[in-house]
Amino acid sequence: MNQQPRMVVPVLCYHSIGDERRDGTLRWSVSPGDFDEQLALLRERRRTPMTVSGYADVLRGLAPLPPRPVLVTFDDGFPDLAEAALPVLRRYGLTATAYVIAARVGVAPSPDGDPSLDWDQLRELRGYGVEIGSHSRSHRALDCIRRAELQQEITGSRRVLEDGLGTRVTSFAYPYGYHSPAVRTAVRAAGYSSACGVKNALSHPEDDVFAIARVLIERDTGVDGIAALLDGTGRPLAWRGEHLRTRGWRAYRRARHLVHAARPRQGQPAS
């Protein structure tokens, strides 16, 4: 028997909309045809689209939850967000939130790197009503870096985006979904009013406004997978706090990061 409460809030997390490999894999690239079908289903089910900042107001008790809510979010800021996803959002009258890696906007990629939105594309998205949030300055695992670097990633990225867009940026998404109490505190101190994690779980009105649960949408999720999420059966309900395995995985990554940082750079002595 399903023990979940009636009201769940699916927060969908997309990356690339296309058939190109990103970060060397097709896993996070949803084909344009599949994306169209998935958003058509949202419209067919009469879901009410929300931005993350709008949903954050609900979590704070500042606004009522609309009927049948759903959130569409994008991470990383690939150009196909403007080229392929935006026309579909317009077709079905849906809004979204796009989390952008600030240092990559308008910068030509390296030969083996992925492209990014330029400023004109970012302004076009903003003009349509897509909320623009920060996905850090350079997409590092924030729970493994030093405090000074953390400030650059969190505060510095916000400054870059606000200067480029001429509007406030109030929402943040943790790279890789990685965060910790110190990282969340830094995000709040930087003036953000909400932040998204991952968890691959369904959000709800008691969710943490600085660790909003999202579900990663993969290439093989398909329209049936989206339907299950809308039915509240595709994933568990988001939990408060961290699982023990999450803390263990962070400890391992931090140790690996320290070992890597201690290694001498090429051409430099060990001490």
Protein backbone atom coordinates (compact mmCIF):
# COMPACT_ATOMS: atom_id res chain seq x y z
CA MET A 1 0.00 0.00 0.00
CA ASN A 2 1.33 3.47 -0.89
CA GLN A 3 2.01 5.35 2.35
CA GLN A 4 3.02 8.62 0.70
CA PRO A 5 0.85 11.68 1.38
CA ARG A 6 -1.42 12.81 -1.39
CA MET A 7 0.57 15.93 -2.21
CA VAL A 8 3.94 15.33 -3.81
CA VAL A 9 5.82 17.85 -5.91
CA PRO A 10 7.89 16.37 -8.75
CA VAL A 11 10.97 18.50 -9.38
CA LEU A 12 12.46 17.26 -12.66
CA CYS A 13 16.17 17.83 -13.34
CA TYR A 14 17.25 17.81 -16.98
CA HIS A 15 20.68 18.51 -18.41
CA SER A 16 20.99 18.43 -22.20
CA ILE A 17 18.12 18.26 -24.71
CA GLY A 18 19.66 16.68 -27.78
CA ASP A 19 21.60 13.74 -29.12
CA GLU A 20 25.10 14.95 -28.27
CA ARG A 21 27.30 13.40 -25.62
CA ARG A 22 27.81 15.61 -22.59
CA ASP A 23 30.69 14.89 -20.24
CA GLY A 24 31.44 11.97 -22.52
CA THR A 25 28.08 10.22 -22.15
CA LEU A 26 24.58 10.24 -23.63
CA ARG A 27 23.07 9.38 -20.26
CA TRP A 28 22.07 12.97 -19.48
CA SER A 29 21.05 13.92 -23.03
CA VAL A 30 17.29 13.53 -23.49
CA SER A 31 16.30 13.37 -27.15
CA PRO A 32 14.21 16.33 -28.39
CA GLY A 33 11.34 14.01 -29.33
CA ASP A 34 11.25 12.42 -25.88
CA PHE A 35 11.44 15.84 -24.23
CA ASP A 36 8.48 17.03 -26.30
CA GLU A 37 6.45 13.97 -25.26
CA GLN A 38 7.32 14.46 -21.62
CA LEU A 39 6.31 18.11 -21.56
CA ALA A 40 3.18 17.31 -23.54
CA LEU A 41 2.28 14.92 -20.71
CA LEU A 42 2.70 17.70 -18.14
CA ARG A 43 0.27 19.80 -20.16
CA GLU A 44 -2.14 16.88 -20.65
CA ARG A 45 -2.16 16.21 -16.92
CA ARG A 46 -2.88 19.91 -16.32
CA ARG A 47 0.15 20.31 -14.11
CA THR A 48 0.85 23.80 -12.76
CA PRO A 49 4.44 24.81 -13.61
CA MET A 50 6.45 26.64 -10.95
CA THR A 51 9.89 28.19 -10.77
CA VAL A 52 12.10 27.16 -7.88
CA SER A 53 11.81 30.59 -6.27
CA GLY A 54 8.04 30.37 -6.50
CA TYR A 55 8.13 26.97 -4.85
CA ALA A 56 10.52 28.29 -2.18
CA ASP A 57 7.83 30.80 -1.20
CA VAL A 58 5.47 27.86 -0.69
CA LEU A 59 8.02 26.02 1.46
CA ARG A 60 8.40 29.15 3.59
CA GLY A 61 4.65 29.48 4.03
CA LEU A 62 4.53 32.72 2.05
CA ALA A 63 2.31 31.40 -0.76
CA PRO A 64 -0.22 28.60 -1.21
CA LEU A 65 0.67 25.50 -3.18
CA PRO A 66 -1.15 25.52 -6.52
CA PRO A 67 -3.05 22.47 -7.74
CA ARG A 68 -0.99 19.71 -9.41
CA PRO A 69 2.39 21.48 -9.13
CA VAL A 70 5.47 20.47 -11.10
CA LEU A 71 8.92 22.01 -11.51
CA VAL A 72 11.14 21.67 -14.58
CA THR A 73 14.80 22.48 -13.94
CA PHE A 74 17.95 22.33 -16.04
CA ASP A 75 21.55 22.07 -14.85
CA ASP A 76 24.83 23.20 -16.46
CA GLY A 77 23.51 25.61 -19.11
CA PHE A 78 24.09 23.85 -22.42
CA PRO A 79 23.14 25.82 -25.58
CA ASP A 80 20.39 23.35 -26.47
CA LEU A 81 18.42 24.74 -23.54
CA ALA A 82 17.77 27.81 -25.70
CA GLU A 83 17.87 26.05 -29.06
CA ALA A 84 15.80 22.92 -28.36
CA ALA A 85 14.14 23.15 -24.94
CA LEU A 86 12.85 26.72 -25.03
CA PRO A 87 10.62 26.22 -28.11
CA VAL A 88 9.00 23.22 -26.38
CA LEU A 89 8.47 25.17 -23.15
CA ARG A 90 6.79 27.88 -25.22
CA ARG A 91 4.65 25.38 -27.12
CA TYR A 92 3.16 23.99 -23.93
CA GLY A 93 3.10 27.20 -21.93
CA LEU A 94 5.48 25.92 -19.25
CA THR A 95 8.12 27.75 -17.28
CA ALA A 96 11.36 26.40 -15.84
CA THR A 97 14.46 27.19 -13.81
CA ALA A 98 17.91 27.00 -15.39
CA TYR A 99 21.02 26.63 -13.24
CA VAL A 100 24.07 27.96 -15.05
CA ILE A 101 27.82 27.51 -14.50
CA ALA A 102 28.76 31.17 -14.42
CA ALA A 103 32.37 31.00 -15.66
CA ARG A 104 31.34 29.10 -18.80
CA VAL A 105 28.69 31.52 -20.09
CA GLY A 106 29.77 32.92 -23.45
CA VAL A 107 33.16 31.20 -23.29
CA ALA A 108 34.32 28.99 -26.17
CA PRO A 109 34.84 25.44 -24.93
CA SER A 110 38.15 23.63 -25.01
CA PRO A 111 38.53 21.04 -27.81
CA ASP A 112 37.29 18.27 -25.52
CA GLY A 113 34.87 20.43 -23.53
CA ASP A 114 31.13 20.98 -23.71
CA PRO A 115 29.62 24.23 -25.05
CA SER A 116 27.63 26.67 -22.94
CA LEU A 117 24.92 29.23 -23.41
CA ASP A 118 26.01 32.71 -24.40
CA TRP A 119 24.67 35.85 -22.75
CA ASP A 120 22.14 36.59 -25.51
CA GLN A 121 20.66 33.10 -25.13
CA LEU A 122 20.56 33.48 -21.37
CA ARG A 123 18.73 36.80 -21.69
CA GLU A 124 16.27 35.23 -24.15
CA LEU A 125 15.47 32.53 -21.61
CA ARG A 126 15.08 35.12 -18.87
CA GLY A 127 12.84 37.22 -21.10
CA TYR A 128 10.49 34.29 -21.61
CA GLY A 129 10.20 33.77 -17.86
CA VAL A 130 12.74 31.04 -17.20
CA GLU A 131 14.31 31.67 -13.81
CA ILE A 132 18.12 31.81 -13.96
CA GLY A 133 19.96 30.40 -10.98
CA SER A 134 23.59 29.72 -10.15
CA HIS A 135 25.18 26.29 -10.52
CA SER A 136 28.43 27.67 -9.05
CA ARG A 137 31.30 29.41 -10.78
CA SER A 138 33.14 26.39 -12.18
CA HIS A 139 31.16 23.29 -11.14
CA ARG A 140 33.36 21.89 -8.38
CA ALA A 141 32.31 19.59 -5.55
CA LEU A 142 31.65 22.31 -2.99
CA ASP A 143 31.79 20.07 0.07
CA CYS A 144 35.46 19.25 -0.62
CA ILE A 145 37.03 22.67 -1.15
CA ARG A 146 38.45 25.37 1.12
CA ARG A 147 36.34 28.21 2.52
CA ALA A 148 37.92 30.88 0.31
CA GLU A 149 37.29 28.76 -2.78
CA LEU A 150 33.75 28.11 -1.60
CA GLN A 151 33.05 31.84 -1.51
CA GLN A 152 34.33 32.23 -5.06
CA GLU A 153 32.07 29.46 -6.28
CA ILE A 154 28.95 30.65 -4.45
CA THR A 155 29.21 34.43 -4.15
CA GLY A 156 31.39 34.96 -7.21
CA SER A 157 29.03 33.07 -9.49
CA ARG A 158 26.08 35.11 -8.33
CA ARG A 159 27.93 38.36 -9.01
CA VAL A 160 28.86 37.27 -12.54
CA LEU A 161 25.30 36.26 -13.41
CA GLU A 162 23.69 39.34 -11.89
CA ASP A 163 26.12 41.66 -13.71
CA GLY A 164 25.49 39.88 -17.00
CA LEU A 165 21.72 39.69 -16.70
CA GLY A 166 20.99 42.91 -14.84
CA THR A 167 18.64 41.08 -12.49
CA ARG A 168 18.82 39.35 -9.12
CA VAL A 169 19.82 35.70 -8.88
CA THR A 170 18.30 34.11 -5.80
CA SER A 171 18.43 30.34 -6.31
CA PHE A 172 21.37 27.94 -6.29
CA ALA A 173 21.90 24.31 -7.34
CA TYR A 174 24.73 22.31 -5.81
CA PRO A 175 27.10 20.80 -8.42
CA TYR A 176 26.60 17.02 -8.52
CA GLY A 177 24.02 17.54 -5.77
CA TYR A 178 26.86 17.57 -3.23
CA HIS A 179 26.40 19.76 -0.18
CA SER A 180 27.04 19.81 3.56
CA PRO A 181 25.91 21.95 6.52
CA ALA A 182 28.84 24.32 5.86
CA VAL A 183 27.96 24.62 2.17
CA ARG A 184 24.28 25.29 2.90
CA THR A 185 25.28 27.93 5.46
CA ALA A 186 27.50 29.62 2.88
CA VAL A 187 24.67 29.62 0.33
CA ARG A 188 22.31 31.27 2.82
CA ALA A 189 24.97 33.80 3.85
CA ALA A 190 25.54 34.71 0.19
CA GLY A 191 21.92 35.90 -0.04
CA TYR A 192 20.30 33.05 -1.92
CA SER A 193 16.76 32.22 -0.83
CA SER A 194 16.66 28.62 -2.06
CA ALA A 195 18.88 25.80 -3.24
CA CYS A 196 18.36 22.50 -5.02
CA GLY A 197 20.04 19.19 -4.34
CA VAL A 198 19.21 15.92 -6.07
CA LYS A 199 18.27 12.93 -3.85
CA ASN A 200 16.30 11.32 -6.71
CA ALA A 201 13.24 11.67 -4.53
CA LEU A 202 9.93 13.51 -4.72
CA SER A 203 9.68 16.87 -3.03
CA HIS A 204 6.74 17.86 -0.82
CA PRO A 205 5.55 20.94 1.14
CA GLU A 206 7.76 20.05 4.14
CA ASP A 207 10.95 19.78 2.07
CA ASP A 208 14.12 21.71 2.99
CA VAL A 209 14.19 25.01 1.08
CA PHE A 210 18.00 24.81 0.94
CA ALA A 211 18.09 21.19 -0.18
CA ILE A 212 15.07 20.80 -2.45
CA ALA A 213 14.83 17.24 -3.71
CA ARG A 214 14.97 16.65 -7.45
CA VAL A 215 14.84 13.63 -9.73
CA LEU A 216 17.47 13.29 -12.46
CA ILE A 217 15.85 12.70 -15.84
CA GLU A 218 17.98 10.39 -17.95
CA ARG A 219 17.92 9.48 -21.62
CA ASP A 220 15.95 6.30 -20.95
CA THR A 221 13.49 7.76 -18.42
CA GLY A 222 10.82 8.05 -21.09
CA VAL A 223 7.27 9.32 -20.85
CA ASP A 224 6.28 6.35 -18.66
CA GLY A 225 8.93 7.33 -16.14
CA ILE A 226 7.60 10.89 -16.04
CA ALA A 227 4.05 9.58 -15.63
CA ALA A 228 5.13 7.55 -12.60
CA LEU A 229 6.67 10.64 -11.03
CA LEU A 230 3.48 12.61 -11.63
CA ASP A 231 1.55 9.78 -9.98
CA GLY A 232 3.85 9.98 -6.96
CA THR A 233 5.01 6.39 -7.40
CA GLY A 234 8.23 6.69 -9.40
CA ARG A 235 10.51 7.64 -6.48
CA PRO A 236 10.41 7.77 -2.67
CA LEU A 237 9.34 10.84 -0.78
CA ALA A 238 12.21 13.16 0.13
CA TRP A 239 13.63 12.77 3.62
CA ARG A 240 15.13 15.33 5.99
CA GLY A 241 18.84 15.26 6.77
CA GLU A 242 21.42 12.90 5.31
CA HIS A 243 21.71 9.15 5.09
CA LEU A 244 24.76 7.56 6.67
CA ARG A 245 26.00 6.45 3.24
CA THR A 246 25.92 10.08 2.07
CA ARG A 247 28.23 11.12 4.91
CA GLY A 248 30.49 8.16 4.20
CA TRP A 249 30.70 9.02 0.50
CA ARG A 250 31.58 12.64 1.39
CA ALA A 251 34.35 11.49 3.74
CA TYR A 252 35.80 9.33 0.97
CA ARG A 253 35.67 12.14 -1.60
CA ARG A 254 37.26 14.61 0.81
CA ALA A 255 40.10 12.22 1.53
CA ARG A 256 40.64 11.67 -2.19
CA HIS A 257 40.58 15.43 -2.77
CA LEU A 258 43.20 16.01 -0.07
CA VAL A 259 45.47 13.34 -1.53
CA HIS A 260 45.14 14.86 -5.00
CA ALA A 261 45.79 18.39 -3.69
CA ALA A 262 48.91 17.21 -1.87
CA ARG A 263 50.49 15.76 -5.00
CA PRO A 264 53.14 18.00 -6.60
CA ARG A 265 52.08 19.63 -9.84
CA GLN A 266 53.92 18.67 -12.97
CA GLY A 267 57.29 20.37 -13.03
CA GLN A 268 57.15 21.36 -9.35
CA PRO A 269 59.14 19.84 -6.47
CA ALA A 270 57.30 17.84 -3.83
CA SER A 271 58.01 20.43 -1.15
